[in-house]
N, C-alpha and C. Protein backbone atom coordinates (compact mmCIF):
# COMPACT_ATOMS: atom_id res chain seq x y z
N UNK A 1 0.84 -1.20 -0.02
CA UNK A 1 -0.01 -0.02 0.01
C UNK A 1 0.86 1.25 0.00
N UNK A 2 0.33 2.30 -0.57
CA UNK A 2 1.03 3.58 -0.68
C UNK A 2 0.22 4.69 -0.04
N UNK A 3 0.90 5.75 0.30
CA UNK A 3 0.25 6.96 0.81
C UNK A 3 0.91 8.18 0.16
N UNK A 4 0.11 9.17 -0.09
CA UNK A 4 0.60 10.48 -0.48
C UNK A 4 0.48 11.38 0.73
N UNK A 5 1.62 11.96 1.13
CA UNK A 5 1.61 12.90 2.25
C UNK A 5 1.80 14.31 1.69
N UNK A 6 0.78 15.14 1.85
CA UNK A 6 0.76 16.52 1.38
C UNK A 6 1.13 17.39 2.56
N UNK A 7 2.29 18.02 2.53
CA UNK A 7 2.82 18.73 3.69
C UNK A 7 2.46 20.22 3.64
N UNK A 8 1.69 20.64 4.66
CA UNK A 8 1.47 22.03 4.98
C UNK A 8 1.04 22.96 3.83
N UNK A 9 0.20 22.46 2.97
CA UNK A 9 -0.28 23.31 1.88
C UNK A 9 -1.45 24.14 2.42
N UNK A 10 -1.04 25.20 3.18
CA UNK A 10 -1.96 26.05 3.88
C UNK A 10 -1.80 27.51 3.42
N UNK A 11 -2.88 28.24 3.59
CA UNK A 11 -2.95 29.63 3.13
C UNK A 11 -1.80 30.53 3.62
N UNK A 12 -1.42 30.39 4.90
CA UNK A 12 -0.36 31.23 5.42
C UNK A 12 1.03 30.97 4.80
N UNK A 13 1.19 29.80 4.17
CA UNK A 13 2.48 29.51 3.55
C UNK A 13 2.49 29.88 2.06
N UNK A 14 1.40 30.47 1.56
CA UNK A 14 1.32 30.85 0.16
C UNK A 14 1.59 32.39 0.07
N UNK A 15 1.97 32.87 -1.16
CA UNK A 15 2.15 34.31 -1.31
C UNK A 15 0.96 35.09 -0.76
N UNK A 16 1.21 36.12 -0.02
CA UNK A 16 0.17 36.90 0.62
C UNK A 16 -0.15 36.41 2.04
N UNK A 17 0.38 35.26 2.41
CA UNK A 17 0.12 34.70 3.74
C UNK A 17 1.16 35.25 4.76
N UNK A 18 0.99 34.83 5.96
CA UNK A 18 1.87 35.35 7.08
C UNK A 18 3.29 34.90 6.97
N UNK A 19 3.56 33.70 6.39
CA UNK A 19 4.91 33.16 6.26
C UNK A 19 5.04 32.48 4.91
N UNK A 20 5.03 33.27 3.84
CA UNK A 20 4.94 32.75 2.50
C UNK A 20 6.21 32.07 1.99
N UNK A 21 5.99 30.97 1.30
CA UNK A 21 7.03 30.30 0.54
C UNK A 21 6.98 30.94 -0.86
N UNK A 22 8.08 31.51 -1.34
CA UNK A 22 8.03 32.17 -2.66
C UNK A 22 7.50 31.19 -3.72
N UNK A 23 6.53 31.65 -4.45
CA UNK A 23 5.89 30.84 -5.51
C UNK A 23 5.31 29.54 -4.99
N UNK A 24 5.00 29.47 -3.74
CA UNK A 24 4.43 28.25 -3.16
C UNK A 24 3.10 27.89 -3.85
N UNK A 25 2.37 28.92 -4.27
CA UNK A 25 1.10 28.64 -4.99
C UNK A 25 1.29 28.00 -6.32
N UNK A 26 2.48 28.06 -6.88
CA UNK A 26 2.71 27.45 -8.21
C UNK A 26 2.64 25.94 -8.19
N UNK A 27 2.77 25.32 -6.99
CA UNK A 27 2.69 23.84 -6.97
C UNK A 27 1.30 23.35 -6.62
N UNK A 28 0.33 24.25 -6.34
CA UNK A 28 -1.04 23.81 -6.00
C UNK A 28 -1.61 22.89 -7.09
N UNK A 29 -1.56 23.28 -8.36
CA UNK A 29 -2.14 22.43 -9.39
C UNK A 29 -1.47 21.03 -9.45
N UNK A 30 -0.15 21.00 -9.26
CA UNK A 30 0.56 19.71 -9.32
C UNK A 30 0.19 18.88 -8.10
N UNK A 31 0.10 19.46 -6.91
CA UNK A 31 -0.32 18.73 -5.75
C UNK A 31 -1.75 18.18 -5.96
N UNK A 32 -2.63 18.97 -6.52
CA UNK A 32 -3.97 18.49 -6.78
C UNK A 32 -4.00 17.36 -7.77
N UNK A 33 -3.11 17.40 -8.80
CA UNK A 33 -2.98 16.27 -9.74
C UNK A 33 -2.55 14.99 -9.00
N UNK A 34 -1.57 15.13 -8.11
CA UNK A 34 -1.10 13.97 -7.35
C UNK A 34 -2.21 13.42 -6.43
N UNK A 35 -2.94 14.33 -5.80
CA UNK A 35 -4.06 13.88 -4.93
C UNK A 35 -5.05 13.06 -5.76
N UNK A 36 -5.41 13.57 -6.91
CA UNK A 36 -6.36 12.80 -7.79
C UNK A 36 -5.76 11.47 -8.23
N UNK A 37 -4.51 11.51 -8.67
CA UNK A 37 -3.88 10.31 -9.17
C UNK A 37 -3.76 9.20 -8.11
N UNK A 38 -3.23 9.61 -6.95
CA UNK A 38 -3.06 8.63 -5.86
C UNK A 38 -4.39 8.12 -5.36
N UNK A 39 -5.40 8.99 -5.33
CA UNK A 39 -6.74 8.55 -4.88
C UNK A 39 -7.27 7.52 -5.86
N UNK A 40 -7.13 7.78 -7.16
CA UNK A 40 -7.60 6.80 -8.17
C UNK A 40 -6.90 5.47 -8.06
N UNK A 41 -5.65 5.49 -7.60
CA UNK A 41 -4.91 4.26 -7.38
C UNK A 41 -5.26 3.56 -6.07
N UNK A 42 -6.09 4.21 -5.26
CA UNK A 42 -6.50 3.62 -4.01
C UNK A 42 -5.53 3.90 -2.87
N UNK A 43 -4.63 4.84 -3.04
CA UNK A 43 -3.65 5.17 -2.00
C UNK A 43 -4.32 6.02 -0.92
N UNK A 44 -3.73 5.98 0.27
CA UNK A 44 -4.15 6.83 1.36
C UNK A 44 -3.67 8.25 1.11
N UNK A 45 -4.56 9.24 1.28
CA UNK A 45 -4.19 10.61 1.18
C UNK A 45 -4.09 11.21 2.57
N UNK A 46 -2.91 11.78 2.92
CA UNK A 46 -2.67 12.39 4.21
C UNK A 46 -2.27 13.84 3.97
N UNK A 47 -2.82 14.72 4.79
CA UNK A 47 -2.42 16.14 4.75
C UNK A 47 -1.97 16.53 6.11
N UNK A 48 -0.73 17.05 6.19
CA UNK A 48 -0.22 17.57 7.46
C UNK A 48 -0.51 19.07 7.48
N UNK A 49 -0.66 19.60 8.68
CA UNK A 49 -0.83 21.05 8.82
C UNK A 49 -0.24 21.54 10.13
N UNK A 50 0.33 22.77 10.04
CA UNK A 50 0.63 23.50 11.27
C UNK A 50 -0.72 23.85 11.88
N UNK A 51 -0.88 23.64 13.16
CA UNK A 51 -2.16 23.91 13.82
C UNK A 51 -1.84 24.55 15.17
N UNK A 52 -1.29 25.76 15.08
CA UNK A 52 -0.72 26.42 16.26
C UNK A 52 -1.77 27.07 17.16
N UNK A 53 -1.57 27.01 18.47
CA UNK A 53 -2.38 27.86 19.37
C UNK A 53 -1.85 29.30 19.21
N UNK A 54 -2.63 30.24 19.70
CA UNK A 54 -2.32 31.68 19.61
C UNK A 54 -0.92 32.03 20.15
N UNK A 55 -0.48 31.32 21.17
CA UNK A 55 0.74 31.64 21.87
C UNK A 55 1.87 30.62 21.64
N UNK A 56 1.98 30.15 20.42
CA UNK A 56 2.96 29.09 20.11
C UNK A 56 4.38 29.57 20.27
N UNK A 57 5.25 28.67 20.73
CA UNK A 57 6.64 28.99 20.99
C UNK A 57 7.45 29.40 19.75
N UNK A 58 6.98 29.03 18.57
CA UNK A 58 7.71 29.41 17.36
C UNK A 58 7.46 30.83 16.93
N UNK A 59 6.47 31.49 17.57
CA UNK A 59 6.16 32.88 17.17
C UNK A 59 7.14 33.86 17.75
N UNK A 60 7.42 34.90 17.03
CA UNK A 60 8.38 35.95 17.50
C UNK A 60 7.96 36.52 18.83
N UNK A 61 6.65 36.65 19.08
CA UNK A 61 6.19 37.17 20.36
C UNK A 61 6.68 36.38 21.55
N UNK A 62 7.01 35.11 21.32
CA UNK A 62 7.51 34.25 22.38
C UNK A 62 8.99 33.94 22.21
N UNK A 63 9.67 34.70 21.31
CA UNK A 63 11.10 34.51 21.11
C UNK A 63 11.44 33.53 20.03
N UNK A 64 10.43 33.06 19.30
CA UNK A 64 10.65 32.12 18.17
C UNK A 64 11.10 32.88 16.93
N UNK A 65 11.40 32.14 15.86
CA UNK A 65 11.92 32.76 14.63
C UNK A 65 10.82 33.20 13.66
N UNK A 66 9.55 32.85 13.84
CA UNK A 66 8.57 33.06 12.82
C UNK A 66 7.48 34.04 13.23
N UNK A 67 6.91 34.75 12.23
CA UNK A 67 5.73 35.54 12.54
C UNK A 67 4.57 34.57 12.89
N UNK A 68 3.54 35.08 13.51
CA UNK A 68 2.37 34.28 13.82
C UNK A 68 1.77 33.73 12.55
N UNK A 69 1.54 32.42 12.52
CA UNK A 69 1.03 31.78 11.29
C UNK A 69 0.27 30.53 11.62
N UNK A 70 -0.64 30.13 10.76
CA UNK A 70 -1.40 28.87 10.86
C UNK A 70 -2.00 28.66 12.26
N UNK A 71 -2.58 29.72 12.78
CA UNK A 71 -3.25 29.62 14.10
C UNK A 71 -4.56 28.84 13.91
N UNK A 72 -4.79 27.94 14.86
CA UNK A 72 -5.98 27.06 14.76
C UNK A 72 -7.25 27.83 14.44
N UNK A 73 -8.01 27.25 13.51
CA UNK A 73 -9.34 27.78 13.14
C UNK A 73 -9.31 29.20 12.59
N UNK A 74 -8.21 29.59 11.93
CA UNK A 74 -8.16 30.87 11.27
C UNK A 74 -8.03 30.60 9.77
N UNK A 75 -8.37 31.64 8.95
CA UNK A 75 -8.23 31.45 7.48
C UNK A 75 -6.82 31.07 7.04
N UNK A 76 -5.79 31.56 7.76
CA UNK A 76 -4.41 31.27 7.39
C UNK A 76 -4.06 29.78 7.55
N UNK A 77 -4.79 29.09 8.36
CA UNK A 77 -4.52 27.67 8.59
C UNK A 77 -5.26 26.74 7.59
N UNK A 78 -6.11 27.30 6.78
CA UNK A 78 -6.89 26.52 5.84
C UNK A 78 -6.03 25.93 4.73
N UNK A 79 -6.43 24.75 4.26
CA UNK A 79 -5.74 24.11 3.15
C UNK A 79 -6.06 24.80 1.88
N UNK A 80 -5.11 24.80 0.91
CA UNK A 80 -5.26 25.39 -0.39
C UNK A 80 -5.33 24.39 -1.51
N UNK A 81 -5.34 23.11 -1.13
CA UNK A 81 -5.42 21.99 -2.11
C UNK A 81 -6.78 21.31 -1.95
N UNK A 82 -7.14 20.54 -2.99
CA UNK A 82 -8.45 19.85 -2.99
C UNK A 82 -8.29 18.48 -2.36
N UNK A 83 -8.60 18.40 -1.08
CA UNK A 83 -8.47 17.13 -0.36
C UNK A 83 -9.79 16.34 -0.41
N UNK A 84 -9.68 15.03 -0.60
CA UNK A 84 -10.93 14.23 -0.51
C UNK A 84 -11.47 14.21 0.91
N UNK A 85 -12.76 13.95 1.03
CA UNK A 85 -13.41 13.92 2.37
C UNK A 85 -12.72 12.92 3.27
N UNK A 86 -12.22 11.82 2.73
CA UNK A 86 -11.66 10.76 3.60
C UNK A 86 -10.13 10.93 3.82
N UNK A 87 -9.59 12.09 3.44
CA UNK A 87 -8.16 12.33 3.68
C UNK A 87 -7.92 12.30 5.18
N UNK A 88 -6.77 11.81 5.55
CA UNK A 88 -6.34 11.81 6.97
C UNK A 88 -5.67 13.17 7.20
N UNK A 89 -6.15 13.94 8.13
CA UNK A 89 -5.61 15.24 8.51
C UNK A 89 -4.74 15.07 9.75
N UNK A 90 -3.49 15.45 9.61
CA UNK A 90 -2.52 15.33 10.76
C UNK A 90 -2.15 16.73 11.18
N UNK A 91 -2.54 17.09 12.42
CA UNK A 91 -2.24 18.42 12.95
C UNK A 91 -1.01 18.30 13.82
N UNK A 92 -0.05 19.24 13.57
CA UNK A 92 1.21 19.23 14.31
C UNK A 92 1.43 20.59 14.94
N UNK A 93 2.35 20.61 15.94
CA UNK A 93 2.72 21.83 16.62
C UNK A 93 1.52 22.48 17.29
N UNK A 94 0.69 21.65 17.93
CA UNK A 94 -0.52 22.12 18.60
C UNK A 94 -0.28 22.56 20.02
N UNK A 95 0.83 22.07 20.60
CA UNK A 95 1.09 22.43 22.01
C UNK A 95 1.86 23.74 22.05
N UNK A 96 1.50 24.69 22.96
CA UNK A 96 2.10 26.03 23.00
C UNK A 96 3.63 25.99 23.16
N UNK A 97 4.15 25.04 23.90
CA UNK A 97 5.57 25.07 24.24
C UNK A 97 6.40 24.05 23.47
N UNK A 98 5.88 23.49 22.39
CA UNK A 98 6.59 22.48 21.64
C UNK A 98 6.50 22.68 20.15
N UNK A 99 7.67 22.80 19.51
CA UNK A 99 7.73 22.99 18.05
C UNK A 99 7.68 21.63 17.39
N UNK A 100 7.21 21.57 16.18
CA UNK A 100 7.21 20.32 15.39
C UNK A 100 7.21 20.72 13.93
N UNK A 101 8.22 20.26 13.20
CA UNK A 101 8.31 20.47 11.78
C UNK A 101 7.78 19.26 11.01
N UNK A 102 8.11 18.09 11.52
CA UNK A 102 7.71 16.82 10.87
C UNK A 102 6.27 16.47 11.16
N UNK A 103 5.61 15.94 10.13
CA UNK A 103 4.27 15.41 10.30
C UNK A 103 4.21 14.22 11.23
N UNK A 104 5.36 13.65 11.56
CA UNK A 104 5.41 12.49 12.46
C UNK A 104 5.59 12.92 13.92
N UNK A 105 6.08 14.16 14.12
CA UNK A 105 6.49 14.59 15.44
C UNK A 105 5.30 14.99 16.32
N UNK A 106 5.08 14.22 17.38
CA UNK A 106 3.98 14.49 18.29
C UNK A 106 2.63 14.15 17.74
N UNK A 107 2.60 13.30 16.72
CA UNK A 107 1.33 12.89 16.07
C UNK A 107 1.22 11.36 16.01
N UNK A 108 0.14 10.88 15.55
CA UNK A 108 -0.09 9.45 15.39
C UNK A 108 0.15 8.98 13.92
N UNK A 109 0.86 9.81 13.13
CA UNK A 109 1.01 9.53 11.71
C UNK A 109 1.65 8.14 11.47
N UNK A 110 2.77 7.85 12.12
CA UNK A 110 3.42 6.55 11.91
C UNK A 110 2.48 5.39 12.22
N UNK A 111 1.78 5.48 13.31
CA UNK A 111 0.85 4.42 13.73
C UNK A 111 -0.30 4.25 12.70
N UNK A 112 -0.82 5.37 12.23
CA UNK A 112 -1.90 5.33 11.22
C UNK A 112 -1.40 4.65 9.98
N UNK A 113 -0.22 5.04 9.47
CA UNK A 113 0.27 4.45 8.25
C UNK A 113 0.55 2.92 8.44
N UNK A 114 1.13 2.54 9.54
CA UNK A 114 1.40 1.11 9.78
C UNK A 114 0.11 0.34 9.92
N UNK A 115 -0.84 0.91 10.61
CA UNK A 115 -2.14 0.23 10.82
C UNK A 115 -2.82 -0.02 9.46
N UNK A 116 -2.63 0.86 8.53
CA UNK A 116 -3.27 0.73 7.18
C UNK A 116 -2.38 -0.07 6.22
N UNK A 117 -1.29 -0.58 6.70
CA UNK A 117 -0.44 -1.41 5.84
C UNK A 117 0.41 -0.64 4.83
N UNK A 118 0.61 0.63 5.08
CA UNK A 118 1.39 1.45 4.12
C UNK A 118 2.86 1.10 4.22
N UNK A 119 3.47 0.83 3.05
CA UNK A 119 4.89 0.53 2.99
C UNK A 119 5.67 1.65 2.32
N UNK A 120 5.01 2.38 1.43
CA UNK A 120 5.69 3.38 0.59
C UNK A 120 4.94 4.70 0.70
N UNK A 121 5.68 5.82 0.90
CA UNK A 121 5.06 7.14 0.99
C UNK A 121 5.68 8.05 -0.08
N UNK A 122 4.86 8.92 -0.62
CA UNK A 122 5.26 9.92 -1.56
C UNK A 122 4.92 11.26 -0.89
N UNK A 123 5.85 12.23 -1.00
CA UNK A 123 5.69 13.49 -0.25
C UNK A 123 5.75 14.67 -1.22
N UNK A 124 4.83 15.60 -1.00
CA UNK A 124 4.81 16.88 -1.74
C UNK A 124 4.46 17.95 -0.75
N UNK A 125 4.63 19.25 -1.13
CA UNK A 125 4.23 20.36 -0.26
C UNK A 125 5.32 21.34 -0.02
N UNK A 126 5.19 22.11 1.10
CA UNK A 126 6.11 23.18 1.45
C UNK A 126 6.52 23.06 2.94
N UNK A 127 7.58 23.69 3.31
CA UNK A 127 8.65 24.15 2.54
C UNK A 127 9.72 23.06 2.48
N UNK A 128 10.35 22.92 1.37
CA UNK A 128 11.29 21.80 1.17
C UNK A 128 12.32 21.66 2.27
N UNK A 129 12.95 22.77 2.65
CA UNK A 129 14.05 22.66 3.64
C UNK A 129 13.60 22.66 5.07
N UNK A 130 12.29 22.71 5.34
CA UNK A 130 11.78 22.71 6.66
C UNK A 130 10.87 21.47 6.90
N UNK A 131 9.58 21.72 6.78
CA UNK A 131 8.61 20.64 7.13
C UNK A 131 8.65 19.46 6.15
N UNK A 132 8.90 19.73 4.88
CA UNK A 132 8.97 18.61 3.92
C UNK A 132 10.16 17.74 4.27
N UNK A 133 11.32 18.36 4.47
CA UNK A 133 12.57 17.63 4.81
C UNK A 133 12.35 16.82 6.10
N UNK A 134 11.84 17.47 7.12
CA UNK A 134 11.67 16.79 8.44
C UNK A 134 10.71 15.61 8.33
N UNK A 135 9.63 15.79 7.57
CA UNK A 135 8.67 14.69 7.39
C UNK A 135 9.27 13.54 6.62
N UNK A 136 10.03 13.83 5.55
CA UNK A 136 10.66 12.80 4.75
C UNK A 136 11.68 12.02 5.56
N UNK A 137 12.52 12.74 6.33
CA UNK A 137 13.53 12.06 7.16
C UNK A 137 12.85 11.16 8.17
N UNK A 138 11.79 11.63 8.82
CA UNK A 138 11.10 10.81 9.78
C UNK A 138 10.38 9.60 9.15
N UNK A 139 9.93 9.78 7.91
CA UNK A 139 9.31 8.64 7.21
C UNK A 139 10.33 7.51 7.02
N UNK A 140 11.56 7.91 6.64
CA UNK A 140 12.63 6.90 6.50
C UNK A 140 12.93 6.27 7.85
N UNK A 141 13.06 7.08 8.91
CA UNK A 141 13.35 6.56 10.22
C UNK A 141 12.27 5.56 10.72
N UNK A 142 11.06 5.78 10.28
CA UNK A 142 9.96 4.87 10.66
C UNK A 142 9.84 3.68 9.73
N UNK A 143 10.79 3.54 8.79
CA UNK A 143 10.86 2.36 7.96
C UNK A 143 10.05 2.37 6.66
N UNK A 144 9.56 3.54 6.26
CA UNK A 144 8.80 3.64 5.04
C UNK A 144 9.74 3.91 3.86
N UNK A 145 9.47 3.27 2.72
CA UNK A 145 10.12 3.57 1.48
C UNK A 145 9.60 4.98 1.11
N UNK A 146 10.52 5.94 0.98
CA UNK A 146 10.10 7.34 0.88
C UNK A 146 10.57 7.98 -0.41
N UNK A 147 9.60 8.64 -1.08
CA UNK A 147 9.83 9.35 -2.34
C UNK A 147 9.44 10.80 -2.18
N UNK A 148 10.30 11.71 -2.68
CA UNK A 148 9.96 13.13 -2.70
C UNK A 148 9.61 13.52 -4.14
N UNK A 149 8.46 14.11 -4.33
CA UNK A 149 7.99 14.49 -5.64
C UNK A 149 8.48 15.90 -5.96
N UNK A 150 9.62 15.97 -6.66
CA UNK A 150 10.30 17.25 -6.86
C UNK A 150 9.50 18.30 -7.63
N UNK A 151 8.54 17.83 -8.45
CA UNK A 151 7.73 18.77 -9.22
C UNK A 151 6.56 19.33 -8.37
N UNK A 152 6.49 18.92 -7.09
CA UNK A 152 5.39 19.32 -6.23
C UNK A 152 5.87 19.73 -4.84
N UNK A 153 7.11 20.30 -4.80
CA UNK A 153 7.62 20.86 -3.56
C UNK A 153 8.20 22.24 -3.89
N UNK A 154 8.19 23.11 -2.88
CA UNK A 154 8.79 24.44 -3.03
C UNK A 154 9.53 24.77 -1.75
N UNK A 155 10.68 25.39 -1.90
CA UNK A 155 11.47 25.84 -0.75
C UNK A 155 11.51 27.32 -0.64
N UNK A 156 12.08 27.81 0.41
CA UNK A 156 12.17 29.25 0.66
C UNK A 156 13.43 29.84 0.04
N UNK A 157 14.57 29.16 0.23
CA UNK A 157 15.86 29.67 -0.27
C UNK A 157 16.48 28.59 -1.11
N UNK A 158 16.78 28.89 -2.38
CA UNK A 158 17.31 27.87 -3.33
C UNK A 158 18.55 27.14 -2.79
N UNK A 159 19.47 27.85 -2.15
CA UNK A 159 20.69 27.23 -1.64
C UNK A 159 20.35 26.24 -0.51
N UNK A 160 19.47 26.64 0.42
CA UNK A 160 19.09 25.74 1.50
C UNK A 160 18.27 24.57 0.95
N UNK A 161 17.49 24.85 -0.05
CA UNK A 161 16.67 23.78 -0.62
C UNK A 161 17.59 22.72 -1.25
N UNK A 162 18.61 23.17 -1.96
CA UNK A 162 19.57 22.25 -2.58
C UNK A 162 20.28 21.39 -1.57
N UNK A 163 20.67 22.05 -0.44
CA UNK A 163 21.35 21.28 0.65
C UNK A 163 20.39 20.23 1.22
N UNK A 164 19.13 20.64 1.41
CA UNK A 164 18.11 19.72 1.97
C UNK A 164 17.92 18.52 1.04
N UNK A 165 17.87 18.76 -0.24
CA UNK A 165 17.68 17.67 -1.17
C UNK A 165 18.85 16.71 -1.14
N UNK A 166 20.07 17.21 -1.05
CA UNK A 166 21.23 16.37 -0.93
C UNK A 166 21.17 15.53 0.32
N UNK A 167 20.85 16.14 1.46
CA UNK A 167 20.73 15.42 2.71
C UNK A 167 19.63 14.35 2.63
N UNK A 168 18.53 14.67 2.04
CA UNK A 168 17.44 13.69 1.94
C UNK A 168 17.88 12.47 1.11
N UNK A 169 18.57 12.75 0.02
CA UNK A 169 19.05 11.66 -0.83
C UNK A 169 20.06 10.81 -0.08
N UNK A 170 20.97 11.45 0.65
CA UNK A 170 21.98 10.71 1.45
C UNK A 170 21.33 9.83 2.50
N UNK A 171 20.20 10.26 3.05
CA UNK A 171 19.50 9.52 4.11
C UNK A 171 18.51 8.48 3.57
N UNK A 172 18.46 8.34 2.25
CA UNK A 172 17.65 7.27 1.70
C UNK A 172 16.31 7.66 1.07
N UNK A 173 16.06 8.95 1.01
CA UNK A 173 14.83 9.39 0.29
C UNK A 173 15.14 9.39 -1.18
N UNK A 174 14.20 8.81 -1.94
CA UNK A 174 14.33 8.78 -3.39
C UNK A 174 13.70 10.01 -3.99
N UNK A 175 14.46 10.74 -4.81
CA UNK A 175 13.95 11.96 -5.43
C UNK A 175 13.40 11.64 -6.80
N UNK A 176 12.13 11.94 -7.01
CA UNK A 176 11.46 11.71 -8.28
C UNK A 176 11.19 13.06 -8.97
N UNK A 177 11.60 13.21 -10.21
CA UNK A 177 11.29 14.43 -10.90
C UNK A 177 9.79 14.56 -11.11
N UNK A 178 9.10 13.42 -11.34
CA UNK A 178 7.65 13.39 -11.43
C UNK A 178 7.19 11.96 -11.29
N UNK A 179 5.97 11.77 -10.75
CA UNK A 179 5.37 10.42 -10.69
C UNK A 179 4.15 10.39 -11.60
N UNK A 180 3.93 11.47 -12.32
CA UNK A 180 2.76 11.51 -13.24
C UNK A 180 3.20 10.84 -14.54
N UNK A 181 2.35 9.97 -15.02
CA UNK A 181 2.67 9.34 -16.31
C UNK A 181 1.43 9.19 -17.16
């Protein structure tokens, strides 16, 4: 069994949002194509999201590096991709004093995937050098065959994105230019 993990495709990470990934919106159509394709193949669709409380530790107001973003139940936390009704939604970084970049960190994602017999995961979303990278590395650590869909990820800084891709490849993540055929 396979799963598509769509990482943090939320309004606040798109241009015009509180913490935008440059041209992050350019991968929305490709992510939607993957969602449709994987759904047609019977794969599990998983969407991770930052789901911060108002006073999250990552916010500048609390000494963190980021502006306030993806606050629970706000427009900025909404998904910008077309998720099926039965998609598994994984909320991360929900505790005020705990940061989480990976969709596996502080969530039941690994248990859900194993319970459903998932052996292989494909990952798309934003930002390549942050939450995408952390999720992919944790997927490998949890024993999943892990693929990164290069045509459906966006990073913030090209140099950091390049370093992240090299690290992912070194740690066993397979980089696919596209899985659409």
